[in-house]
């Protein structure tokens, strides 16, 4: 049985083992060298100050993770997050990415974020399919903005509403103020129900 939970700093090594092949072998990440375990741990900690960093695990192993970070630092962007998911190579097409995104988007809505943005290095049909299944709509393409593995890559932007765009929004709530309540648990359980691991 799979579970989806908040990542902890001590999960960094297991998540880095998932991420490093994407860096080495693909242009899905535009990093050219994987971060150190300490740098990855710091990324987890910094992300959790804003929004959820979730991981999916089953049988004692991490199957994938997804998180939401600041879209931009300027204050007017505070209701928008950039979301990302990475899944262990042998767990593709088992509902892990969809489950993680279902839980992540539910948790972000509880915090009061209004929009999520996915940034996808192209071509990446699996990521495009995941985002569009999750209700993201294409928002534009930046042509030839990244160079990796001997070629130029476009970057696509996808966007999804998380809540009403009212005229006087309250600032998003801190993660600590929503985690653990019944709605939080329902958001995590909704994602778990989609995982076939």
C-alpha atoms as a PDB file:
ATOM      1  CA  UNK A   1       0.000   0.000   0.000  1.00  0.00           C
ATOM      2  CA  UNK A   2       1.366   3.387  -0.986  1.00  0.00           C
ATOM      3  CA  UNK A   3       1.328   6.469   1.197  1.00  0.00           C
ATOM      4  CA  UNK A   4       1.793  10.139   0.341  1.00  0.00           C
ATOM      5  CA  UNK A   5       3.288  12.331   3.036  1.00  0.00           C
ATOM      6  CA  UNK A   6       5.333  15.454   3.575  1.00  0.00           C
ATOM      7  CA  UNK A   7       8.984  14.930   2.754  1.00  0.00           C
ATOM      8  CA  UNK A   8      11.570  15.385   5.465  1.00  0.00           C
ATOM      9  CA  UNK A   9      15.173  16.474   5.151  1.00  0.00           C
ATOM     10  CA  UNK A  10      16.290  12.906   5.843  1.00  0.00           C
ATOM     11  CA  UNK A  11      14.467  11.796   2.664  1.00  0.00           C
ATOM     12  CA  UNK A  12      16.929  13.810   0.562  1.00  0.00           C
ATOM     13  CA  UNK A  13      19.175  10.895  -0.441  1.00  0.00           C
ATOM     14  CA  UNK A  14      16.278   8.742  -1.676  1.00  0.00           C
ATOM     15  CA  UNK A  15      14.748  11.622  -3.642  1.00  0.00           C
ATOM     16  CA  UNK A  16      18.116  12.625  -5.071  1.00  0.00           C
ATOM     17  CA  UNK A  17      18.542   9.046  -6.345  1.00  0.00           C
ATOM     18  CA  UNK A  18      15.330   9.583  -8.364  1.00  0.00           C
ATOM     19  CA  UNK A  19      16.349  13.046  -9.579  1.00  0.00           C
ATOM     20  CA  UNK A  20      20.000  12.428 -10.565  1.00  0.00           C
ATOM     21  CA  UNK A  21      19.247  10.287 -13.664  1.00  0.00           C
ATOM     22  CA  UNK A  22      16.936  13.020 -14.986  1.00  0.00           C
ATOM     23  CA  UNK A  23      19.879  15.426 -14.704  1.00  0.00           C
ATOM     24  CA  UNK A  24      22.489  13.077 -16.200  1.00  0.00           C
ATOM     25  CA  UNK A  25      20.458  11.418 -18.928  1.00  0.00           C
ATOM     26  CA  UNK A  26      17.733  13.844 -20.038  1.00  0.00           C
ATOM     27  CA  UNK A  27      16.927  17.488 -20.685  1.00  0.00           C
ATOM     28  CA  UNK A  28      13.872  17.266 -18.421  1.00  0.00           C
ATOM     29  CA  UNK A  29      15.964  19.117 -15.853  1.00  0.00           C
ATOM     30  CA  UNK A  30      18.187  21.903 -17.102  1.00  0.00           C
ATOM     31  CA  UNK A  31      20.711  21.258 -14.338  1.00  0.00           C
ATOM     32  CA  UNK A  32      23.848  19.711 -15.795  1.00  0.00           C
ATOM     33  CA  UNK A  33      25.159  18.180 -12.553  1.00  0.00           C
ATOM     34  CA  UNK A  34      23.005  16.784  -9.756  1.00  0.00           C
ATOM     35  CA  UNK A  35      23.088  18.749  -6.514  1.00  0.00           C
ATOM     36  CA  UNK A  36      24.859  17.329  -3.493  1.00  0.00           C
ATOM     37  CA  UNK A  37      22.762  15.611  -0.863  1.00  0.00           C
ATOM     38  CA  UNK A  38      23.249  18.633   1.419  1.00  0.00           C
ATOM     39  CA  UNK A  39      22.083  21.054  -1.299  1.00  0.00           C
ATOM     40  CA  UNK A  40      19.059  18.850  -1.968  1.00  0.00           C
ATOM     41  CA  UNK A  41      18.278  18.775   1.754  1.00  0.00           C
ATOM     42  CA  UNK A  42      18.405  22.587   1.813  1.00  0.00           C
ATOM     43  CA  UNK A  43      16.024  22.730  -1.167  1.00  0.00           C
ATOM     44  CA  UNK A  44      13.528  20.563   0.697  1.00  0.00           C
ATOM     45  CA  UNK A  45      13.773  22.764   3.780  1.00  0.00           C
ATOM     46  CA  UNK A  46      13.399  26.006   1.792  1.00  0.00           C
ATOM     47  CA  UNK A  47      10.406  24.656  -0.145  1.00  0.00           C
ATOM     48  CA  UNK A  48       8.606  23.564   3.021  1.00  0.00           C
ATOM     49  CA  UNK A  49       8.734  27.169   4.222  1.00  0.00           C
ATOM     50  CA  UNK A  50       6.349  28.027   1.351  1.00  0.00           C
ATOM     51  CA  UNK A  51       4.341  24.978   0.385  1.00  0.00           C
ATOM     52  CA  UNK A  52       4.239  21.199   0.349  1.00  0.00           C
ATOM     53  CA  UNK A  53       7.007  18.897  -0.764  1.00  0.00           C
ATOM     54  CA  UNK A  54       5.293  15.510  -0.916  1.00  0.00           C
ATOM     55  CA  UNK A  55       6.680  12.067  -1.518  1.00  0.00           C
ATOM     56  CA  UNK A  56       5.035   8.794  -2.379  1.00  0.00           C
ATOM     57  CA  UNK A  57       6.427   5.629  -0.881  1.00  0.00           C
ATOM     58  CA  UNK A  58       5.513   1.953  -0.857  1.00  0.00           C
ATOM     59  CA  UNK A  59       7.212  -1.095   0.612  1.00  0.00           C
ATOM     60  CA  UNK A  60       9.804   1.148   2.266  1.00  0.00           C
ATOM     61  CA  UNK A  61      10.967   2.795  -0.970  1.00  0.00           C
ATOM     62  CA  UNK A  62      10.335   6.242  -2.430  1.00  0.00           C
ATOM     63  CA  UNK A  63       8.454   6.052  -5.748  1.00  0.00           C
ATOM     64  CA  UNK A  64       8.392   9.758  -6.553  1.00  0.00           C
ATOM     65  CA  UNK A  65       7.977  13.260  -5.205  1.00  0.00           C
ATOM     66  CA  UNK A  66       6.273  16.528  -6.081  1.00  0.00           C
ATOM     67  CA  UNK A  67       6.586  20.010  -4.678  1.00  0.00           C
ATOM     68  CA  UNK A  68       5.495  23.610  -5.081  1.00  0.00           C
ATOM     69  CA  UNK A  69       7.850  26.560  -4.861  1.00  0.00           C
ATOM     70  CA  UNK A  70       7.531  30.277  -5.285  1.00  0.00           C
ATOM     71  CA  UNK A  71       6.753  31.263  -8.854  1.00  0.00           C
ATOM     72  CA  UNK A  72       8.574  34.576  -8.371  1.00  0.00           C
ATOM     73  CA  UNK A  73       9.747  36.457  -5.309  1.00  0.00           C
ATOM     74  CA  UNK A  74       7.841  39.718  -5.908  1.00  0.00           C
ATOM     75  CA  UNK A  75       4.872  40.136  -3.608  1.00  0.00           C
ATOM     76  CA  UNK A  76       2.157  40.324  -6.262  1.00  0.00           C
ATOM     77  CA  UNK A  77       3.037  36.737  -7.252  1.00  0.00           C
ATOM     78  CA  UNK A  78       2.458  35.328  -3.746  1.00  0.00           C
ATOM     79  CA  UNK A  79      -0.727  33.470  -4.805  1.00  0.00           C
ATOM     80  CA  UNK A  80       1.047  31.574  -7.612  1.00  0.00           C
ATOM     81  CA  UNK A  81       3.328  28.562  -7.284  1.00  0.00           C
ATOM     82  CA  UNK A  82       5.469  26.554  -9.679  1.00  0.00           C
ATOM     83  CA  UNK A  83       4.901  22.814  -9.363  1.00  0.00           C
ATOM     84  CA  UNK A  84       7.190  19.922 -10.245  1.00  0.00           C
ATOM     85  CA  UNK A  85       7.064  16.129 -10.010  1.00  0.00           C
ATOM     86  CA  UNK A  86       9.654  13.405 -10.506  1.00  0.00           C
ATOM     87  CA  UNK A  87       8.903   9.676 -10.534  1.00  0.00           C
ATOM     88  CA  UNK A  88      11.264   6.698 -10.238  1.00  0.00           C
ATOM     89  CA  UNK A  89      11.892   5.375 -13.768  1.00  0.00           C
ATOM     90  CA  UNK A  90      10.423   1.934 -13.075  1.00  0.00           C
ATOM     91  CA  UNK A  91       7.251   3.459 -11.577  1.00  0.00           C
ATOM     92  CA  UNK A  92       6.071   5.394 -14.649  1.00  0.00           C
ATOM     93  CA  UNK A  93       2.450   4.839 -15.741  1.00  0.00           C
ATOM     94  CA  UNK A  94       1.416   3.520 -12.327  1.00  0.00           C
ATOM     95  CA  UNK A  95      -0.428   6.617 -11.173  1.00  0.00           C
ATOM     96  CA  UNK A  96       2.419   7.927  -9.010  1.00  0.00           C
ATOM     97  CA  UNK A  97       2.719  11.306 -10.737  1.00  0.00           C
ATOM     98  CA  UNK A  98      -1.038  11.731 -10.940  1.00  0.00           C
ATOM     99  CA  UNK A  99      -1.453  10.755  -7.291  1.00  0.00           C
ATOM    100  CA  UNK A 100       1.259  13.143  -6.143  1.00  0.00           C
ATOM    101  CA  UNK A 101      -0.160  16.025  -8.184  1.00  0.00           C
ATOM    102  CA  UNK A 102      -3.695  15.325  -6.947  1.00  0.00           C
ATOM    103  CA  UNK A 103      -2.514  15.567  -3.356  1.00  0.00           C
ATOM    104  CA  UNK A 104      -0.197  18.505  -4.009  1.00  0.00           C
ATOM    105  CA  UNK A 105      -2.837  20.612  -5.770  1.00  0.00           C
ATOM    106  CA  UNK A 106      -5.370  19.834  -3.045  1.00  0.00           C
ATOM    107  CA  UNK A 107      -2.957  20.919  -0.328  1.00  0.00           C
ATOM    108  CA  UNK A 108      -2.066  24.114  -2.210  1.00  0.00           C
ATOM    109  CA  UNK A 109      -5.744  25.010  -2.539  1.00  0.00           C
ATOM    110  CA  UNK A 110      -6.128  24.564   1.228  1.00  0.00           C
ATOM    111  CA  UNK A 111      -3.320  27.060   1.739  1.00  0.00           C
ATOM    112  CA  UNK A 112      -5.125  29.572  -0.450  1.00  0.00           C
ATOM    113  CA  UNK A 113      -2.881  29.606  -3.495  1.00  0.00           C
ATOM    114  CA  UNK A 114      -4.811  30.617  -6.614  1.00  0.00           C
ATOM    115  CA  UNK A 115      -2.698  29.373  -9.521  1.00  0.00           C
ATOM    116  CA  UNK A 116      -0.154  26.679 -10.288  1.00  0.00           C
ATOM    117  CA  UNK A 117       2.340  26.842 -13.139  1.00  0.00           C
ATOM    118  CA  UNK A 118       4.152  23.897 -14.701  1.00  0.00           C
ATOM    119  CA  UNK A 119       7.340  24.549 -16.668  1.00  0.00           C
ATOM    120  CA  UNK A 120       8.241  21.713 -19.050  1.00  0.00           C
ATOM    121  CA  UNK A 121      11.375  21.282 -21.139  1.00  0.00           C
ATOM    122  CA  UNK A 122      10.211  20.108 -24.542  1.00  0.00           C
ATOM    123  CA  UNK A 123       9.751  17.575 -25.957  1.00  0.00           C
ATOM    124  CA  UNK A 124       8.345  15.731 -22.939  1.00  0.00           C
ATOM    125  CA  UNK A 125       5.043  14.121 -23.920  1.00  0.00           C
ATOM    126  CA  UNK A 126       4.655  12.261 -20.610  1.00  0.00           C
ATOM    127  CA  UNK A 127       4.855  15.477 -18.573  1.00  0.00           C
ATOM    128  CA  UNK A 128       2.569  17.340 -20.978  1.00  0.00           C
ATOM    129  CA  UNK A 129       0.048  14.491 -20.716  1.00  0.00           C
ATOM    130  CA  UNK A 130       0.229  14.516 -16.895  1.00  0.00           C
ATOM    131  CA  UNK A 131      -0.262  18.275 -16.635  1.00  0.00           C
ATOM    132  CA  UNK A 132      -3.153  18.327 -19.077  1.00  0.00           C
ATOM    133  CA  UNK A 133      -4.851  15.378 -17.331  1.00  0.00           C
ATOM    134  CA  UNK A 134      -4.554  17.398 -14.122  1.00  0.00           C
ATOM    135  CA  UNK A 135      -6.374  20.363 -15.650  1.00  0.00           C
ATOM    136  CA  UNK A 136      -3.416  22.514 -16.721  1.00  0.00           C
ATOM    137  CA  UNK A 137      -3.808  24.453 -19.953  1.00  0.00           C
ATOM    138  CA  UNK A 138      -0.960  25.506 -22.279  1.00  0.00           C
ATOM    139  CA  UNK A 139       0.081  29.091 -21.622  1.00  0.00           C
ATOM    140  CA  UNK A 140       2.941  29.530 -24.092  1.00  0.00           C
ATOM    141  CA  UNK A 141       6.296  28.280 -25.339  1.00  0.00           C
ATOM    142  CA  UNK A 142       9.709  29.915 -25.091  1.00  0.00           C
ATOM    143  CA  UNK A 143      11.738  28.815 -28.096  1.00  0.00           C
ATOM    144  CA  UNK A 144      15.303  27.475 -27.807  1.00  0.00           C
ATOM    145  CA  UNK A 145      16.001  28.850 -24.325  1.00  0.00           C
ATOM    146  CA  UNK A 146      17.970  25.881 -22.928  1.00  0.00           C
ATOM    147  CA  UNK A 147      20.961  24.044 -24.376  1.00  0.00           C
ATOM    148  CA  UNK A 148      21.712  20.547 -23.099  1.00  0.00           C
ATOM    149  CA  UNK A 149      22.996  17.267 -24.562  1.00  0.00           C
ATOM    150  CA  UNK A 150      24.039  18.926 -27.814  1.00  0.00           C
ATOM    151  CA  UNK A 151      20.784  20.631 -28.744  1.00  0.00           C
ATOM    152  CA  UNK A 152      18.544  23.589 -28.001  1.00  0.00           C
ATOM    153  CA  UNK A 153      15.287  22.974 -26.123  1.00  0.00           C
ATOM    154  CA  UNK A 154      12.023  24.864 -25.981  1.00  0.00           C
ATOM    155  CA  UNK A 155      10.282  25.354 -22.649  1.00  0.00           C
ATOM    156  CA  UNK A 156       6.514  25.156 -22.383  1.00  0.00           C
ATOM    157  CA  UNK A 157       4.385  26.800 -19.724  1.00  0.00           C
ATOM    158  CA  UNK A 158       1.172  25.261 -18.397  1.00  0.00           C
ATOM    159  CA  UNK A 159      -1.226  26.932 -15.928  1.00  0.00           C
ATOM    160  CA  UNK A 160      -4.071  25.753 -13.695  1.00  0.00           C
ATOM    161  CA  UNK A 161      -6.382  27.634 -11.350  1.00  0.00           C
ATOM    162  CA  UNK A 162      -6.409  26.483  -7.731  1.00  0.00           C
ATOM    163  CA  UNK A 163      -9.132  28.787  -6.454  1.00  0.00           C
ATOM    164  CA  UNK A 164     -11.235  31.846  -7.178  1.00  0.00           C
ATOM    165  CA  UNK A 165      -9.444  34.968  -8.346  1.00  0.00           C
ATOM    166  CA  UNK A 166     -11.363  37.284  -6.032  1.00  0.00           C
ATOM    167  CA  UNK A 167     -10.657  40.988  -5.705  1.00  0.00           C
ATOM    168  CA  UNK A 168      -9.312  40.990  -2.131  1.00  0.00           C
ATOM    169  CA  UNK A 169      -7.515  37.676  -1.574  1.00  0.00           C
ATOM    170  CA  UNK A 170      -6.095  36.792   1.807  1.00  0.00           C
ATOM    171  CA  UNK A 171      -2.403  35.854   1.679  1.00  0.00           C
ATOM    172  CA  UNK A 172      -1.774  32.119   1.392  1.00  0.00           C
ATOM    173  CA  UNK A 173      -1.760  30.376   4.744  1.00  0.00           C
ATOM    174  CA  UNK A 174       1.460  28.895   6.120  1.00  0.00           C
ATOM    175  CA  UNK A 175       1.853  25.184   5.513  1.00  0.00           C
ATOM    176  CA  UNK A 176       1.891  24.451   9.246  1.00  0.00           C
ATOM    177  CA  UNK A 177      -1.580  25.984   9.629  1.00  0.00           C
ATOM    178  CA  UNK A 178      -3.230  23.440   7.300  1.00  0.00           C
ATOM    179  CA  UNK A 179      -1.281  20.218   7.671  1.00  0.00           C
ATOM    180  CA  UNK A 180      -2.801  17.529   9.788  1.00  0.00           C
ATOM    181  CA  UNK A 181      -6.449  18.618   9.678  1.00  0.00           C
ATOM    182  CA  UNK A 182      -9.219  16.548   8.077  1.00  0.00           C
ATOM    183  CA  UNK A 183      -9.083  18.363   4.718  1.00  0.00           C
ATOM    184  CA  UNK A 184      -5.315  17.886   4.570  1.00  0.00           C
ATOM    185  CA  UNK A 185      -5.713  14.162   5.205  1.00  0.00           C
ATOM    186  CA  UNK A 186      -8.420  13.951   2.519  1.00  0.00           C
ATOM    187  CA  UNK A 187      -6.103  15.665   0.005  1.00  0.00           C
ATOM    188  CA  UNK A 188      -3.358  13.126   0.700  1.00  0.00           C
ATOM    189  CA  UNK A 189      -5.772  10.182   0.583  1.00  0.00           C
ATOM    190  CA  UNK A 190      -7.207  11.370  -2.755  1.00  0.00           C
ATOM    191  CA  UNK A 191      -3.762  11.044  -4.295  1.00  0.00           C
ATOM    192  CA  UNK A 192      -3.011   7.679  -2.681  1.00  0.00           C
ATOM    193  CA  UNK A 193      -6.195   6.253  -4.218  1.00  0.00           C
ATOM    194  CA  UNK A 194      -4.717   6.812  -7.706  1.00  0.00           C
ATOM    195  CA  UNK A 195      -1.392   5.030  -7.117  1.00  0.00           C
ATOM    196  CA  UNK A 196      -1.096   1.474  -8.405  1.00  0.00           C
ATOM    197  CA  UNK A 197       2.120   0.371  -6.725  1.00  0.00           C
END
